[in-house]
N, C-alpha and C. Protein backbone atom coordinates (compact mmCIF):
# COMPACT_ATOMS: atom_id res chain seq x y z
N MET A 1 10.00 15.11 -3.97
CA MET A 1 10.44 16.40 -3.82
C MET A 1 9.30 16.30 -3.05
N ASP A 2 9.33 17.78 -1.68
CA ASP A 2 8.35 18.13 -0.48
C ASP A 2 7.06 17.90 -0.97
N ASN A 3 7.39 18.79 -2.82
CA ASN A 3 6.04 19.36 -3.78
C ASN A 3 5.27 18.11 -3.71
N PHE A 4 6.15 17.34 -4.19
CA PHE A 4 5.35 16.19 -5.07
C PHE A 4 4.79 14.94 -4.12
N VAL A 5 3.23 15.24 -4.20
CA VAL A 5 2.68 14.36 -3.03
C VAL A 5 1.94 13.41 -4.24
N VAL A 6 1.75 11.71 -3.61
CA VAL A 6 0.90 11.07 -4.04
C VAL A 6 -0.03 10.20 -3.07
N ILE A 7 -1.13 10.05 -4.19
CA ILE A 7 -2.24 9.64 -4.26
C ILE A 7 -2.46 8.63 -4.78
N THR A 8 -2.82 7.10 -4.14
CA THR A 8 -2.43 5.71 -4.22
C THR A 8 -3.34 5.10 -3.10
N GLY A 9 -3.41 3.52 -3.66
CA GLY A 9 -4.52 3.19 -2.62
C GLY A 9 -5.44 1.31 -3.99
N CYS A 10 -6.08 1.30 -3.26
CA CYS A 10 -7.36 0.21 -4.28
C CYS A 10 -7.94 0.56 -5.39
N SER A 11 -7.20 0.25 -6.76
CA SER A 11 -7.99 0.38 -7.98
C SER A 11 -9.72 0.46 -7.05
N GLY A 12 -9.79 1.66 -7.93
CA GLY A 12 -11.78 1.78 -7.73
C GLY A 12 -11.95 2.40 -6.71
N GLY A 13 -11.11 3.85 -6.03
CA GLY A 13 -11.17 3.78 -4.64
C GLY A 13 -11.64 5.26 -4.88
N GLY A 14 -11.44 5.71 -5.75
CA GLY A 14 -12.12 6.95 -6.52
C GLY A 14 -10.90 8.19 -6.56
N LYS A 15 -9.17 7.07 -6.39
CA LYS A 15 -8.33 8.22 -7.00
C LYS A 15 -8.01 9.23 -8.16
N SER A 16 -8.71 9.06 -8.39
CA SER A 16 -8.97 9.62 -10.85
C SER A 16 -9.93 10.43 -10.02
N THR A 17 -10.76 10.34 -9.09
CA THR A 17 -11.70 11.46 -8.72
C THR A 17 -11.65 12.38 -8.24
N LEU A 18 -10.99 12.17 -7.07
CA LEU A 18 -10.17 12.95 -5.80
C LEU A 18 -9.15 13.78 -6.89
N VAL A 19 -8.22 13.02 -7.90
CA VAL A 19 -7.18 14.01 -8.44
C VAL A 19 -7.73 14.63 -9.67
N ARG A 20 -8.95 14.82 -10.34
CA ARG A 20 -9.80 16.13 -10.41
C ARG A 20 -10.26 17.15 -10.16
N GLU A 21 -11.24 16.77 -8.77
CA GLU A 21 -11.31 17.59 -7.75
C GLU A 21 -10.03 17.70 -7.42
N LEU A 22 -8.98 17.77 -7.27
CA LEU A 22 -7.94 19.50 -7.46
C LEU A 22 -6.94 19.81 -7.64
N LEU A 23 -7.85 19.18 -9.46
CA LEU A 23 -6.62 20.02 -11.03
C LEU A 23 -8.34 21.18 -10.96
N GLY A 24 -9.71 20.52 -10.11
CA GLY A 24 -10.37 22.22 -10.80
C GLY A 24 -9.91 22.98 -9.36
N ARG A 25 -9.68 23.06 -8.13
CA ARG A 25 -9.18 23.82 -7.30
C ARG A 25 -7.84 24.14 -7.31
N GLY A 26 -7.79 23.74 -9.10
CA GLY A 26 -6.11 24.29 -9.75
C GLY A 26 -4.97 24.33 -8.37
N TYR A 27 -4.72 22.57 -8.01
CA TYR A 27 -2.87 22.58 -8.13
C TYR A 27 -3.49 21.72 -9.19
N ASN A 28 -1.54 21.48 -8.92
CA ASN A 28 -1.26 20.90 -11.15
C ASN A 28 -1.48 19.43 -9.55
N ILE A 29 -2.08 18.49 -11.25
CA ILE A 29 -1.89 16.72 -11.28
C ILE A 29 -1.43 16.50 -11.70
N VAL A 30 -1.38 14.84 -12.13
CA VAL A 30 -0.56 13.58 -12.93
C VAL A 30 -1.50 12.20 -13.00
N GLU A 31 -1.59 12.74 -13.80
CA GLU A 31 -3.05 11.58 -14.72
C GLU A 31 -2.65 9.98 -14.38
N GLU A 32 -2.57 9.17 -13.73
CA GLU A 32 -1.85 7.65 -14.21
C GLU A 32 -1.75 7.66 -14.47
N PRO A 33 -0.31 6.62 -14.72
CA PRO A 33 0.44 5.94 -15.86
C PRO A 33 -0.21 5.15 -15.90
N GLY A 34 -0.76 4.11 -15.28
CA GLY A 34 -1.33 3.31 -15.58
C GLY A 34 -2.23 3.32 -16.06
N ARG A 35 -3.38 4.44 -16.36
CA ARG A 35 -4.79 4.18 -16.78
C ARG A 35 -3.86 4.96 -18.64
N ARG A 36 -3.33 5.66 -18.73
CA ARG A 36 -2.08 6.47 -18.97
C ARG A 36 -2.19 5.59 -20.28
N ILE A 37 -1.59 4.57 -19.91
CA ILE A 37 0.14 3.66 -20.75
C ILE A 37 -1.77 2.54 -21.17
N VAL A 38 -2.58 1.89 -20.98
CA VAL A 38 -4.19 1.28 -20.84
C VAL A 38 -4.43 1.38 -22.54
N ALA A 39 -5.20 2.90 -21.98
CA ALA A 39 -5.82 3.72 -23.09
C ALA A 39 -5.42 4.10 -24.09
N GLN A 40 -3.09 4.02 -24.16
CA GLN A 40 -2.66 3.84 -25.63
C GLN A 40 -2.93 2.18 -26.10
N GLN A 41 -2.28 1.79 -25.31
CA GLN A 41 -1.42 0.37 -26.12
C GLN A 41 -3.27 -0.06 -26.29
N LEU A 42 -4.68 0.05 -25.73
CA LEU A 42 -6.07 -0.20 -26.89
C LEU A 42 -6.28 -0.25 -27.50
N SER A 43 -5.70 1.37 -28.58
CA SER A 43 -5.91 1.85 -29.73
C SER A 43 -4.62 1.29 -30.40
N ASP A 44 -3.04 1.90 -29.96
CA ASP A 44 -2.06 0.83 -30.46
C ASP A 44 -2.38 -0.18 -30.37
N GLY A 45 -3.30 -1.14 -30.39
CA GLY A 45 -3.45 -2.51 -30.67
C GLY A 45 -1.62 -3.18 -29.45
N GLY A 46 -1.15 -2.60 -28.31
CA GLY A 46 -0.51 -3.75 -28.03
C GLY A 46 -0.37 -4.48 -27.13
N LYS A 47 0.78 -4.17 -27.15
CA LYS A 47 0.46 -6.12 -25.54
C LYS A 47 0.90 -5.06 -24.13
N ALA A 48 1.52 -4.49 -23.99
CA ALA A 48 1.79 -4.09 -22.90
C ALA A 48 0.51 -3.63 -21.86
N LEU A 49 -0.12 -4.91 -21.80
CA LEU A 49 -1.09 -4.59 -20.68
C LEU A 49 -1.16 -5.71 -19.82
N PRO A 50 -1.68 -4.29 -17.93
CA PRO A 50 -2.17 -5.92 -17.05
C PRO A 50 -2.54 -6.93 -17.42
N TRP A 51 -3.24 -7.27 -17.64
CA TRP A 51 -3.94 -8.35 -18.89
C TRP A 51 -3.12 -9.64 -18.64
N ILE A 52 -2.85 -8.52 -19.63
CA ILE A 52 -1.94 -9.89 -20.55
C ILE A 52 -0.38 -9.79 -20.64
N ASP A 53 -0.09 -9.02 -20.17
CA ASP A 53 1.77 -8.60 -20.07
C ASP A 53 2.12 -7.86 -18.98
N LEU A 54 2.01 -8.31 -17.98
CA LEU A 54 2.23 -7.22 -16.24
C LEU A 54 3.57 -6.65 -16.34
N ALA A 55 4.63 -6.77 -16.85
CA ALA A 55 6.27 -7.26 -16.51
C ALA A 55 6.45 -6.10 -17.88
N ALA A 56 6.10 -5.89 -19.03
CA ALA A 56 6.07 -4.72 -20.11
C ALA A 56 4.88 -3.36 -19.80
N PHE A 57 3.75 -4.01 -19.31
CA PHE A 57 2.80 -2.86 -18.46
C PHE A 57 3.66 -1.58 -17.27
N ALA A 58 4.57 -2.85 -16.23
CA ALA A 58 4.68 -1.94 -15.19
C ALA A 58 6.70 -1.13 -15.68
N GLU A 59 7.59 -1.85 -16.71
CA GLU A 59 7.79 -0.74 -17.73
C GLU A 59 7.84 0.22 -18.03
N ALA A 60 6.55 0.12 -18.89
CA ALA A 60 6.16 1.20 -19.05
C ALA A 60 5.57 2.86 -17.86
N ALA A 61 4.98 1.74 -17.33
CA ALA A 61 4.57 3.09 -16.30
C ALA A 61 5.51 3.08 -15.69
N ILE A 62 7.20 2.94 -14.68
CA ILE A 62 7.84 2.65 -13.97
C ILE A 62 8.62 4.35 -14.84
N LYS A 63 8.21 4.39 -16.92
CA LYS A 63 9.66 5.39 -17.44
C LYS A 63 8.74 6.67 -17.74
N LEU A 64 6.83 6.49 -17.85
CA LEU A 64 6.08 7.51 -17.84
C LEU A 64 6.14 7.60 -16.57
N ALA A 65 5.95 7.27 -15.60
CA ALA A 65 6.58 8.51 -14.11
C ALA A 65 7.76 8.59 -13.66
N THR A 66 8.13 8.02 -14.38
CA THR A 66 10.16 9.11 -13.91
C THR A 66 9.98 10.33 -14.94
N GLU A 67 9.36 10.08 -16.46
CA GLU A 67 9.46 11.78 -17.08
C GLU A 67 8.10 12.04 -16.17
N ASP A 68 7.22 11.44 -16.16
CA ASP A 68 6.33 12.58 -15.55
C ASP A 68 7.05 13.54 -13.96
N ARG A 69 7.99 13.23 -13.41
CA ARG A 69 8.38 13.39 -12.48
C ARG A 69 9.09 14.93 -13.10
N VAL A 70 10.60 14.67 -14.23
CA VAL A 70 11.35 15.36 -14.89
C VAL A 70 10.05 16.33 -15.26
N ARG A 71 8.80 15.51 -15.69
CA ARG A 71 7.98 16.81 -16.06
C ARG A 71 7.68 17.66 -15.17
N MET A 72 7.64 17.41 -14.48
CA MET A 72 7.77 18.66 -12.85
C MET A 72 7.92 19.36 -11.69
N GLY A 73 8.86 18.73 -12.52
CA GLY A 73 10.09 19.43 -11.93
C GLY A 73 10.35 20.97 -10.82
N ALA A 74 9.89 21.63 -12.08
CA ALA A 74 10.11 23.19 -12.00
C ALA A 74 9.61 23.36 -10.63
N GLU A 75 8.26 22.62 -10.60
CA GLU A 75 7.22 22.65 -10.30
C GLU A 75 6.71 23.55 -9.42
N LEU A 76 6.86 24.35 -7.77
CA LEU A 76 7.13 24.71 -7.05
C LEU A 76 5.78 25.01 -5.83
N ASP A 77 4.99 24.74 -6.65
CA ASP A 77 3.32 24.34 -6.02
C ASP A 77 3.15 22.37 -5.61
N TRP A 78 2.07 21.92 -4.73
CA TRP A 78 1.89 20.92 -4.87
C TRP A 78 1.93 20.85 -6.07
N VAL A 79 1.89 19.27 -6.08
CA VAL A 79 1.21 17.72 -7.66
C VAL A 79 0.75 17.12 -6.70
N PHE A 80 -0.13 16.84 -7.55
CA PHE A 80 -0.61 15.50 -6.73
C PHE A 80 -0.49 14.33 -7.62
N PHE A 81 -0.36 13.78 -7.68
CA PHE A 81 0.60 12.50 -8.70
C PHE A 81 -0.80 11.56 -8.24
N ASP A 82 -1.75 10.44 -8.83
CA ASP A 82 -2.71 9.69 -9.56
C ASP A 82 -1.77 8.96 -9.07
N ARG A 83 -1.04 7.99 -7.98
CA ARG A 83 -0.30 7.02 -7.99
C ARG A 83 1.07 7.28 -9.09
N GLY A 84 2.40 7.37 -8.74
CA GLY A 84 2.96 7.33 -9.29
C GLY A 84 4.73 5.65 -8.90
N LEU A 85 5.75 5.88 -8.47
CA LEU A 85 6.84 5.07 -9.35
C LEU A 85 7.04 4.09 -8.41
N VAL A 86 6.92 4.17 -7.27
CA VAL A 86 6.03 3.79 -6.06
C VAL A 86 5.57 2.64 -5.76
N ASP A 87 4.52 2.67 -7.39
CA ASP A 87 3.13 1.60 -7.62
C ASP A 87 3.80 1.14 -8.86
N ALA A 88 4.24 2.20 -9.79
CA ALA A 88 4.76 0.86 -11.13
C ALA A 88 5.89 -0.13 -10.55
N ALA A 89 6.83 0.60 -9.92
CA ALA A 89 7.75 -0.85 -9.08
C ALA A 89 7.67 -1.92 -8.94
N SER A 90 6.13 -1.52 -7.55
CA SER A 90 5.53 -2.63 -6.77
C SER A 90 4.83 -3.86 -8.24
N ALA A 91 4.55 -2.97 -8.62
CA ALA A 91 4.11 -3.97 -10.03
C ALA A 91 5.17 -4.77 -11.30
N TYR A 92 6.23 -4.16 -10.78
CA TYR A 92 7.04 -4.60 -11.61
C TYR A 92 7.83 -6.41 -10.75
N THR A 93 7.58 -5.50 -9.09
CA THR A 93 8.08 -6.66 -8.05
C THR A 93 7.22 -7.77 -7.50
N VAL A 94 6.30 -7.93 -8.66
CA VAL A 94 4.88 -8.42 -9.46
C VAL A 94 5.29 -9.28 -9.88
N ALA A 95 5.63 -8.89 -11.49
CA ALA A 95 5.49 -9.79 -12.41
C ALA A 95 6.24 -10.64 -12.46
N THR A 96 8.23 -9.67 -11.50
CA THR A 96 8.78 -10.08 -12.56
C THR A 96 10.19 -10.96 -10.83
N GLY A 97 9.88 -10.96 -9.54
CA GLY A 97 10.03 -11.12 -8.72
C GLY A 97 11.42 -10.49 -8.31
N ASP A 98 11.42 -9.03 -9.32
CA ASP A 98 13.18 -8.81 -8.90
C ASP A 98 12.41 -6.86 -8.54
N GLU A 99 13.49 -7.48 -6.91
CA GLU A 99 12.94 -5.94 -6.39
C GLU A 99 13.62 -4.49 -6.19
N GLY A 100 15.10 -4.72 -7.21
CA GLY A 100 16.05 -3.59 -8.23
C GLY A 100 15.42 -2.63 -8.08
N PRO A 101 14.72 -2.10 -9.30
CA PRO A 101 14.31 -1.27 -9.27
C PRO A 101 13.41 -0.40 -9.04
N LEU A 102 12.69 -1.50 -7.86
CA LEU A 102 12.34 -0.76 -6.65
C LEU A 102 12.58 -0.33 -5.66
N TYR A 103 13.47 -0.54 -5.03
CA TYR A 103 14.75 0.29 -3.92
C TYR A 103 15.83 1.10 -4.24
N ARG A 104 16.36 0.82 -5.63
CA ARG A 104 16.69 2.09 -6.73
C ARG A 104 15.99 2.52 -6.78
N LEU A 105 14.94 2.19 -7.62
CA LEU A 105 14.36 4.36 -7.72
C LEU A 105 13.34 4.88 -6.64
N ILE A 106 13.24 4.08 -5.89
CA ILE A 106 12.45 4.51 -4.37
C ILE A 106 14.01 5.85 -4.11
N LYS A 107 14.80 5.28 -3.78
CA LYS A 107 15.94 6.31 -2.88
C LYS A 107 16.59 7.73 -3.94
N GLU A 108 16.26 7.31 -5.30
CA GLU A 108 16.13 8.16 -5.97
C GLU A 108 15.70 9.31 -6.01
N GLN A 109 14.10 8.45 -6.63
CA GLN A 109 13.16 9.76 -6.21
C GLN A 109 12.23 9.33 -5.41
N ARG A 110 12.68 10.68 -4.48
CA ARG A 110 11.76 10.40 -3.09
C ARG A 110 10.18 11.49 -4.41
N TYR A 111 9.74 10.92 -3.27
CA TYR A 111 8.12 11.28 -2.66
C TYR A 111 7.46 12.56 -0.96
N HIS A 112 6.63 13.51 -1.47
CA HIS A 112 6.45 14.04 0.35
C HIS A 112 6.08 13.24 1.04
N THR A 113 6.66 12.61 2.20
CA THR A 113 6.92 12.17 3.63
C THR A 113 5.51 10.98 3.64
N ARG A 114 4.25 12.25 3.42
CA ARG A 114 3.12 11.96 3.28
C ARG A 114 2.03 11.16 2.46
N VAL A 115 1.60 9.57 2.33
CA VAL A 115 0.64 9.61 1.30
C VAL A 115 -0.32 9.35 1.41
N PHE A 116 -1.26 9.70 0.67
CA PHE A 116 -2.36 9.63 1.08
C PHE A 116 -3.83 8.48 0.55
N ALA A 117 -3.97 7.56 1.27
CA ALA A 117 -4.45 5.70 0.72
C ALA A 117 -5.52 5.85 0.56
N LEU A 118 -5.80 5.60 -0.76
CA LEU A 118 -7.30 5.34 -0.76
C LEU A 118 -8.22 4.15 -1.07
N GLU A 119 -9.02 4.07 0.15
CA GLU A 119 -9.03 2.68 0.79
C GLU A 119 -10.06 1.49 -0.21
N PRO A 120 -9.99 0.34 -0.08
CA PRO A 120 -11.39 -1.01 -1.10
C PRO A 120 -12.63 0.01 -0.50
N TRP A 121 -13.14 0.79 -1.58
CA TRP A 121 -14.54 0.55 -1.39
C TRP A 121 -15.55 0.47 -1.94
N PRO A 122 -15.97 -1.52 -1.89
CA PRO A 122 -15.94 -2.00 -3.37
C PRO A 122 -17.97 -1.63 -3.23
N GLU A 123 -18.56 -0.29 -2.44
CA GLU A 123 -19.99 0.42 -3.01
C GLU A 123 -19.53 1.00 -4.24
N ILE A 124 -18.73 1.70 -4.49
CA ILE A 124 -18.30 1.98 -6.26
C ILE A 124 -17.10 1.74 -6.20
N TYR A 125 -16.87 0.40 -6.71
CA TYR A 125 -15.55 -0.48 -6.93
C TYR A 125 -16.48 -0.18 -8.86
N VAL A 126 -15.93 0.15 -10.22
CA VAL A 126 -16.60 -0.21 -10.83
C VAL A 126 -15.85 -0.96 -11.88
N GLN A 127 -15.53 -2.35 -12.47
CA GLN A 127 -14.14 -2.03 -13.90
C GLN A 127 -15.25 -1.44 -15.15
N ASP A 128 -13.99 -1.25 -15.71
CA ASP A 128 -14.48 -1.33 -17.41
C ASP A 128 -13.38 -1.08 -18.17
N ALA A 129 -13.15 -0.95 -20.07
CA ALA A 129 -12.28 -1.33 -20.19
C ALA A 129 -10.77 -0.99 -19.94
N GLU A 130 -10.40 -0.84 -19.57
CA GLU A 130 -9.42 0.74 -18.61
C GLU A 130 -9.03 -0.82 -17.32
N ARG A 131 -10.23 -0.75 -16.45
CA ARG A 131 -9.65 -2.06 -14.76
C ARG A 131 -10.43 -2.65 -15.54
N ARG A 132 -10.06 -4.06 -15.78
CA ARG A 132 -10.28 -5.51 -15.30
C ARG A 132 -10.76 -6.46 -14.71
N HIS A 133 -9.79 -5.96 -14.02
CA HIS A 133 -9.55 -6.87 -12.83
C HIS A 133 -10.43 -6.95 -11.87
N GLY A 134 -10.78 -7.58 -10.89
CA GLY A 134 -11.15 -7.11 -10.11
C GLY A 134 -11.76 -6.93 -8.61
N ILE A 135 -12.53 -6.55 -7.90
CA ILE A 135 -12.65 -5.80 -6.31
C ILE A 135 -11.45 -7.14 -5.73
N GLU A 136 -11.58 -8.36 -5.21
CA GLU A 136 -10.59 -8.47 -5.10
C GLU A 136 -9.18 -8.54 -5.74
N GLN A 137 -8.94 -8.51 -6.59
CA GLN A 137 -7.60 -8.15 -6.95
C GLN A 137 -7.22 -7.10 -6.43
N ALA A 138 -8.08 -5.86 -6.82
CA ALA A 138 -8.20 -4.22 -6.02
C ALA A 138 -7.65 -4.18 -4.49
N MET A 139 -7.75 -4.96 -3.99
CA MET A 139 -7.83 -5.98 -2.79
C MET A 139 -6.52 -5.55 -2.43
N GLU A 140 -6.32 -7.64 -3.05
CA GLU A 140 -5.15 -7.27 -3.06
C GLU A 140 -3.68 -5.98 -3.10
N GLU A 141 -3.98 -5.52 -3.97
CA GLU A 141 -2.45 -4.19 -4.48
C GLU A 141 -2.49 -3.88 -3.07
N TYR A 142 -4.12 -2.89 -2.67
CA TYR A 142 -4.15 -2.15 -1.48
C TYR A 142 -3.57 -3.14 -0.61
N ASP A 143 -3.13 -3.53 0.13
CA ASP A 143 -3.19 -4.14 1.54
C ASP A 143 -1.58 -4.51 0.82
N ARG A 144 -1.41 -3.88 -0.36
CA ARG A 144 0.82 -4.60 -0.66
C ARG A 144 1.17 -3.77 -0.75
N LEU A 145 0.42 -1.71 -1.55
CA LEU A 145 0.91 -0.93 -0.13
C LEU A 145 0.59 -0.22 0.26
N ALA A 146 0.03 -0.30 1.65
CA ALA A 146 -0.22 -0.53 3.02
C ALA A 146 0.57 -0.90 3.02
N SER A 147 1.39 -2.36 2.72
CA SER A 147 2.53 -2.91 3.58
C SER A 147 3.80 -2.21 3.14
N LEU A 148 3.94 -1.87 2.04
CA LEU A 148 4.95 -1.09 1.63
C LEU A 148 5.55 -0.24 1.60
N TYR A 149 4.70 1.12 1.01
CA TYR A 149 5.32 2.74 1.44
C TYR A 149 5.81 3.14 2.54
N PRO A 150 4.64 2.18 3.84
CA PRO A 150 5.74 2.56 5.43
C PRO A 150 7.11 1.81 5.51
N ARG A 151 7.78 0.69 4.89
CA ARG A 151 8.39 0.04 5.08
C ARG A 151 9.68 0.97 4.19
N LEU A 152 8.57 1.66 3.16
CA LEU A 152 10.21 2.85 2.75
C LEU A 152 10.24 4.19 3.09
N GLY A 153 9.87 4.01 4.64
CA GLY A 153 9.46 5.38 4.75
C GLY A 153 8.75 6.73 4.63
N TYR A 154 7.97 6.50 3.82
CA TYR A 154 6.30 6.96 3.63
C TYR A 154 5.34 7.32 5.35
N GLU A 155 4.20 8.27 5.55
CA GLU A 155 3.55 7.79 6.70
C GLU A 155 1.51 7.64 5.19
N TRP A 156 1.74 6.32 5.91
CA TRP A 156 0.27 5.95 4.87
C TRP A 156 -0.86 6.34 5.60
N ILE A 157 -2.14 7.46 5.27
CA ILE A 157 -2.55 8.07 5.11
C ILE A 157 -3.57 7.99 4.60
N ILE A 158 -4.33 7.38 6.12
CA ILE A 158 -6.24 7.41 4.88
C ILE A 158 -6.64 8.38 5.50
N VAL A 159 -7.30 8.21 4.08
CA VAL A 159 -8.56 9.23 3.27
C VAL A 159 -9.37 8.67 4.27
N PRO A 160 -10.95 9.16 4.93
CA PRO A 160 -11.27 8.81 4.97
C PRO A 160 -13.14 9.03 3.77
N LYS A 161 -13.27 7.62 3.74
CA LYS A 161 -14.73 7.36 2.90
C LYS A 161 -16.06 8.95 2.87
N LEU A 162 -15.55 10.15 2.28
CA LEU A 162 -16.57 11.12 2.10
C LEU A 162 -16.90 11.63 0.49
N PRO A 163 -17.16 12.35 0.74
CA PRO A 163 -17.49 13.32 -0.71
C PRO A 163 -16.46 12.98 -0.46
N VAL A 164 -16.38 13.10 -2.38
CA VAL A 164 -14.56 13.99 -2.65
C VAL A 164 -14.79 15.27 -2.17
N GLU A 165 -15.59 16.65 -1.77
CA GLU A 165 -14.97 16.76 -2.02
C GLU A 165 -14.33 17.84 -0.07
N ALA A 166 -15.19 16.54 0.40
CA ALA A 166 -14.20 16.67 2.01
C ALA A 166 -13.11 16.15 1.66
N ARG A 167 -13.27 14.63 0.21
CA ARG A 167 -11.41 14.12 0.42
C ARG A 167 -10.80 14.68 -0.21
N VAL A 168 -10.50 15.60 -0.58
CA VAL A 168 -9.93 16.42 -0.66
C VAL A 168 -9.67 17.95 0.05
N ASP A 169 -9.98 18.32 0.79
CA ASP A 169 -10.38 18.42 2.30
C ASP A 169 -9.67 18.99 2.55
N PHE A 170 -10.42 17.78 3.56
CA PHE A 170 -9.07 16.31 4.79
C PHE A 170 -7.77 16.21 3.59
N ILE A 171 -7.16 16.49 2.55
CA ILE A 171 -5.95 16.13 2.16
C ILE A 171 -5.12 17.47 2.17
N LEU A 172 -5.83 18.48 2.37
CA LEU A 172 -5.72 20.06 2.09
C LEU A 172 -5.45 20.46 4.17
N GLN A 173 -5.60 19.91 4.57
CA GLN A 173 -5.31 20.31 5.98
C GLN A 173 -4.75 18.90 6.62
N VAL A 174 -4.14 18.38 6.14
CA VAL A 174 -2.57 17.17 6.40
C VAL A 174 -1.73 17.68 6.43
N LEU A 175 -1.83 18.31 5.02
CA LEU A 175 -0.46 18.56 4.70
C LEU A 175 0.40 20.26 5.13
N PRO A 176 1.35 20.65 5.34
CA PRO A 176 1.56 21.39 5.76
C PRO A 176 1.64 22.76 4.80
N THR A 177 0.99 23.74 5.68
CA THR A 177 0.95 25.08 4.34
C THR A 177 2.43 26.20 5.04
């Protein structure tokens, strides 16, 4: 959908903070599927966690990201996604080696062609109960996504390392009006 915009990139790079700023400015947002899944699994004692069963986690993320798209489908204004199907399907491919879901979903459920990427930013990276991997794994994920999105026909736009308000201004200036 031309109004569905993905914010992706490195874990701990400030995506969720940026998306919350967009919400504060009145834009539609969708929170990261992975964080929602991890919180729910930790609460319920589930095993679909990236550090226990990455394939089950990625399957749940694909399902949730698909539901998010359906839920937001009637929106005509910009909808900003803190990650999305490409990220979830990429994790599934890493876990299983199976690229089928990745390419099927990506052909059927496109986002805006401009994807906004937040680079690794070690100075702000923190681990927490829902982000247990280190900066090295986050940087590997970033490199994988930075290669994948352009191969799928998306324009990979790096958001400058600036205060969050300026980052949002940058994104809004780059998007067509």
